[in-house]
Protein backbone atom coordinates (compact mmCIF):
# COMPACT_ATOMS: atom_id res chain seq x y z
CA UNK A 1 51.77 83.22 59.10
CA UNK A 2 53.07 86.54 57.82
CA UNK A 3 50.33 88.30 59.62
CA UNK A 4 51.21 86.48 62.87
CA UNK A 5 54.81 87.44 62.59
CA UNK A 6 53.86 91.02 61.78
CA UNK A 7 51.69 91.26 64.90
CA UNK A 8 54.56 89.70 66.98
CA UNK A 9 57.17 92.15 66.02
CA UNK A 10 54.67 95.00 66.20
CA UNK A 11 53.85 94.03 69.74
CA UNK A 12 57.63 93.84 70.41
CA UNK A 13 58.43 97.22 69.10
CA UNK A 14 55.60 98.79 71.28
CA UNK A 15 56.88 97.11 74.32
CA UNK A 16 60.42 98.42 73.56
CA UNK A 17 59.24 101.90 72.88
CA UNK A 18 57.12 101.84 76.09
CA UNK A 19 60.17 100.59 78.12
CA UNK A 20 62.35 103.46 76.79
CA UNK A 21 59.82 106.03 77.29
CA UNK A 22 59.23 104.63 80.78
CA UNK A 23 62.90 104.82 81.72
CA UNK A 24 63.12 108.36 80.27
CA UNK A 25 60.18 109.38 82.61
CA UNK A 26 61.99 107.75 85.56
CA UNK A 27 64.94 110.02 84.73
CA UNK A 28 62.95 112.94 84.78
CA UNK A 29 61.21 111.72 88.09
CA UNK A 30 64.71 111.89 89.71
CA UNK A 31 65.43 115.42 88.48
CA UNK A 32 61.99 116.60 89.59
CA UNK A 33 62.68 115.14 92.92
CA UNK A 34 66.03 116.86 93.29
CA UNK A 35 64.52 120.15 92.43
CA UNK A 36 61.51 119.71 94.86
CA UNK A 37 63.75 118.91 97.64
CA UNK A 38 64.92 122.54 97.34
CA UNK A 39 61.54 123.35 99.04
CA UNK A 40 63.09 122.16 102.36
CA UNK A 41 65.82 124.95 102.36
CA UNK A 42 65.33 127.46 104.99
CA UNK A 43 65.10 130.43 102.77
CA UNK A 44 61.49 131.01 102.22
CA UNK A 45 61.56 129.47 98.91
CA UNK A 46 64.51 131.57 97.45
CA UNK A 47 66.32 128.52 96.17
CA UNK A 48 63.43 126.78 94.81
CA UNK A 49 62.36 130.11 93.01
CA UNK A 50 65.80 130.35 91.45
CA UNK A 51 65.51 126.72 90.42
CA UNK A 52 62.09 127.27 88.76
CA UNK A 53 63.30 130.40 86.95
CA UNK A 54 66.27 128.44 85.46
CA UNK A 55 63.84 125.89 84.00
CA UNK A 56 61.55 128.65 82.46
CA UNK A 57 64.55 130.58 80.74
CA UNK A 58 66.73 127.66 79.77
CA UNK A 59 65.91 126.71 76.03
CA UNK A 60 67.50 123.25 76.38
CA UNK A 61 64.85 122.43 79.35
CA UNK A 62 61.98 123.89 77.29
CA UNK A 63 63.01 121.37 74.59
CA UNK A 64 63.30 118.54 77.05
CA UNK A 65 59.83 119.44 78.39
CA UNK A 66 58.33 118.89 74.97
CA UNK A 67 59.96 115.42 74.84
CA UNK A 68 58.71 114.82 78.19
CA UNK A 69 55.08 115.53 77.28
CA UNK A 70 55.45 113.43 74.09
CA UNK A 71 56.80 110.59 76.18
CA UNK A 72 53.91 110.71 78.56
CA UNK A 73 51.50 110.45 75.67
CA UNK A 74 53.45 107.82 73.88
CA UNK A 75 53.84 105.62 77.04
CA UNK A 76 49.99 105.94 77.88
CA UNK A 77 48.76 105.25 74.32
CA UNK A 78 51.05 102.22 73.99
CA UNK A 79 50.13 100.85 77.40
CA UNK A 80 46.54 101.05 76.44
CA UNK A 81 47.16 99.41 73.16
CA UNK A 82 49.01 96.53 74.54
CA UNK A 83 46.53 95.99 77.16
CA UNK A 84 43.78 95.86 74.72
CA UNK A 85 45.82 93.49 72.42
CA UNK A 86 46.40 91.10 75.20
CA UNK A 87 42.76 91.24 76.33
CA UNK A 88 41.73 90.38 72.60
CA UNK A 89 44.06 87.65 72.28
CA UNK A 90 43.36 85.95 75.68
CA UNK A 91 41.57 82.66 75.35
CA UNK A 92 38.70 81.48 77.33
CA UNK A 93 39.38 81.78 81.09
CA UNK A 94 40.63 78.53 82.46
CA UNK A 95 38.45 77.14 85.28
CA UNK A 96 41.38 76.12 87.49
CA UNK A 97 43.98 78.72 86.40
CA UNK A 98 43.56 82.04 88.07
CA UNK A 99 45.86 84.98 87.25
CA UNK A 100 45.70 86.57 90.61
CA UNK A 101 46.90 83.40 92.24
CA UNK A 102 50.07 83.32 90.10
CA UNK A 103 51.07 87.02 89.67
CA UNK A 104 51.29 89.90 92.14
CA UNK A 105 48.68 92.82 92.31
CA UNK A 106 51.04 95.32 90.85
CA UNK A 107 51.81 93.29 87.96
CA UNK A 108 48.22 92.72 87.08
CA UNK A 109 47.06 96.20 87.56
CA UNK A 110 49.82 98.34 85.76
CA UNK A 111 47.18 99.96 83.47
CA UNK A 112 45.04 100.91 86.49
CA UNK A 113 47.82 102.28 88.52
CA UNK A 114 49.35 104.10 85.51
CA UNK A 115 45.80 105.58 84.82
CA UNK A 116 45.32 107.15 88.22
CA UNK A 117 48.87 108.35 88.19
CA UNK A 118 48.04 109.92 84.84
CA UNK A 119 44.95 111.59 86.16
CA UNK A 120 47.00 112.97 89.00
CA UNK A 121 49.58 114.37 86.68
CA UNK A 122 46.80 116.23 84.69
CA UNK A 123 45.70 117.74 87.97
CA UNK A 124 49.25 118.53 89.22
CA UNK A 125 50.02 120.26 85.99
CA UNK A 126 46.93 122.15 86.12
CA UNK A 127 47.74 123.43 89.66
CA UNK A 128 51.40 124.42 89.07
CA UNK A 129 52.50 124.25 85.39
CA UNK A 130 49.55 125.72 83.68
CA UNK A 131 49.10 129.11 85.62
CA UNK A 132 52.74 130.05 85.10
CA UNK A 133 53.92 128.48 81.83
CA UNK A 134 50.63 128.89 79.81
CA UNK A 135 48.56 131.50 81.49
CA UNK A 136 51.54 133.73 82.32
CA UNK A 137 50.50 134.42 85.83
CA UNK A 138 53.13 136.16 88.09
CA UNK A 139 52.82 133.90 90.98
CA UNK A 140 55.38 132.71 93.41
CA UNK A 141 55.91 128.92 92.76
CA UNK A 142 56.81 128.52 96.43
CA UNK A 143 53.54 130.13 97.71
CA UNK A 144 51.69 128.02 95.16
CA UNK A 145 53.11 124.76 96.74
CA UNK A 146 52.37 126.18 100.32
CA UNK A 147 48.67 126.92 99.45
CA UNK A 148 48.30 123.58 97.41
CA UNK A 149 49.57 121.47 100.33
CA UNK A 150 47.37 123.36 102.81
CA UNK A 151 44.32 121.46 101.18
CA UNK A 152 43.96 118.21 102.99
CA UNK A 153 42.06 116.67 99.74
CA UNK A 154 45.09 117.55 97.50
CA UNK A 155 47.57 116.18 99.98
CA UNK A 156 45.67 112.86 100.23
CA UNK A 157 45.24 112.46 96.43
CA UNK A 158 48.97 113.33 96.26
CA UNK A 159 49.88 110.63 98.64
CA UNK A 160 47.49 108.01 97.21
CA UNK A 161 49.12 108.81 93.62
CA UNK A 162 52.45 108.45 94.94
CA UNK A 163 51.54 105.00 96.51
CA UNK A 164 50.01 103.72 93.23
CA UNK A 165 53.18 105.25 91.40
CA UNK A 166 55.37 103.00 93.63
CA UNK A 167 53.35 99.91 92.52
CA UNK A 168 53.44 101.04 88.98
CA UNK A 169 57.22 101.46 89.18
CA UNK A 170 57.85 98.25 91.01
CA UNK A 171 56.57 96.23 87.93
CA UNK A 172 57.41 98.78 85.14
CA UNK A 173 61.07 99.23 86.10
CA UNK A 174 62.20 95.55 86.03
CA UNK A 175 59.66 94.91 83.14
CA UNK A 176 61.61 97.35 81.06
CA UNK A 177 64.96 95.83 81.56
CA UNK A 178 63.40 92.53 80.83
CA UNK A 179 62.01 93.81 77.54
CA UNK A 180 65.31 95.25 76.60
CA UNK A 181 67.06 91.99 77.37
CA UNK A 182 69.11 93.30 80.21
CA UNK A 183 67.91 91.13 83.11
CA UNK A 184 70.77 88.59 83.41
CA UNK A 185 73.00 87.20 86.13
CA UNK A 186 75.36 90.24 85.89
CA UNK A 187 72.78 93.01 85.78
CA UNK A 188 69.89 91.64 87.94
CA UNK A 189 70.97 92.48 91.34
CA UNK A 190 71.90 96.09 90.16
CA UNK A 191 68.54 96.21 88.55
CA UNK A 192 66.76 95.08 91.66
CA UNK A 193 68.44 97.56 93.71
CA UNK A 194 67.76 100.33 91.45
CA UNK A 195 64.04 99.28 91.19
CA UNK A 196 63.84 99.37 95.11
CA UNK A 197 65.03 103.06 94.91
CA UNK A 198 62.64 104.07 92.33
CA UNK A 199 59.52 102.24 93.62
CA UNK A 200 60.14 102.74 97.33
CA UNK A 201 62.67 105.53 98.15
CA UNK A 202 61.80 108.00 95.41
CA UNK A 203 57.95 108.08 96.12
CA UNK A 204 58.75 108.18 99.80
CA UNK A 205 60.84 111.22 99.48
CA UNK A 206 58.20 112.84 97.35
CA UNK A 207 55.70 112.03 100.03
CA UNK A 208 57.61 113.96 102.76
CA UNK A 209 56.93 117.29 100.85
CA UNK A 210 53.14 117.47 101.28
CA UNK A 211 53.32 115.93 104.77
CA UNK A 212 55.81 118.77 105.79
CA UNK A 213 53.81 121.60 104.22
CA UNK A 214 50.49 120.37 105.68
CA UNK A 215 51.94 119.84 109.09
CA UNK A 216 53.73 123.24 108.76
CA UNK A 217 50.30 124.87 107.87
CA UNK A 218 48.43 123.02 110.73
CA UNK A 219 51.13 124.18 113.26
CA UNK A 220 50.72 127.90 112.09
CA UNK A 221 46.93 127.76 113.16
């Protein structure tokens, strides 16, 4: 009995920590979107470059970046552990009950969507973060964006990752508040509205960036 209770509370603790790291990553996603929208300023990237320089030299931001990487790692590890634990505890499949008939696709495949988004994140960091922050190359971040989104394969994968991110957030956002016990008659309408912003509006706004720069590049030829 003690072992069962220990496993139960251990599972709850993992879900709570995964919810908190997930919400923190959503806050970062909002900040990242705001910064990226500076790419649309008609100044050849001057404002975006100033924003990037501020992130590099600000010590508080550098500490937040460490917390960000830790949160990504913790979120991914906990998600995998919970998925594996649920798989191990799942009884023999019922002949009549089929999960896919009772839950939406995005709810059943959060590990899949999260895994592909994680792979995209690694590629994205290798494209933009590593050359400047780690390798110390003196590159124009704006020019890096222009060059990256001139590649149709990168643009396509970027858009696919955003689509899967939307599916991931659609389930994850509401699930996080459910885990934290905040889904009730008072907060549910607000949570549902915020969920729509995060799983639809935010990815859609991110998607405008590769589409814009790819179209700009094609128009220049």
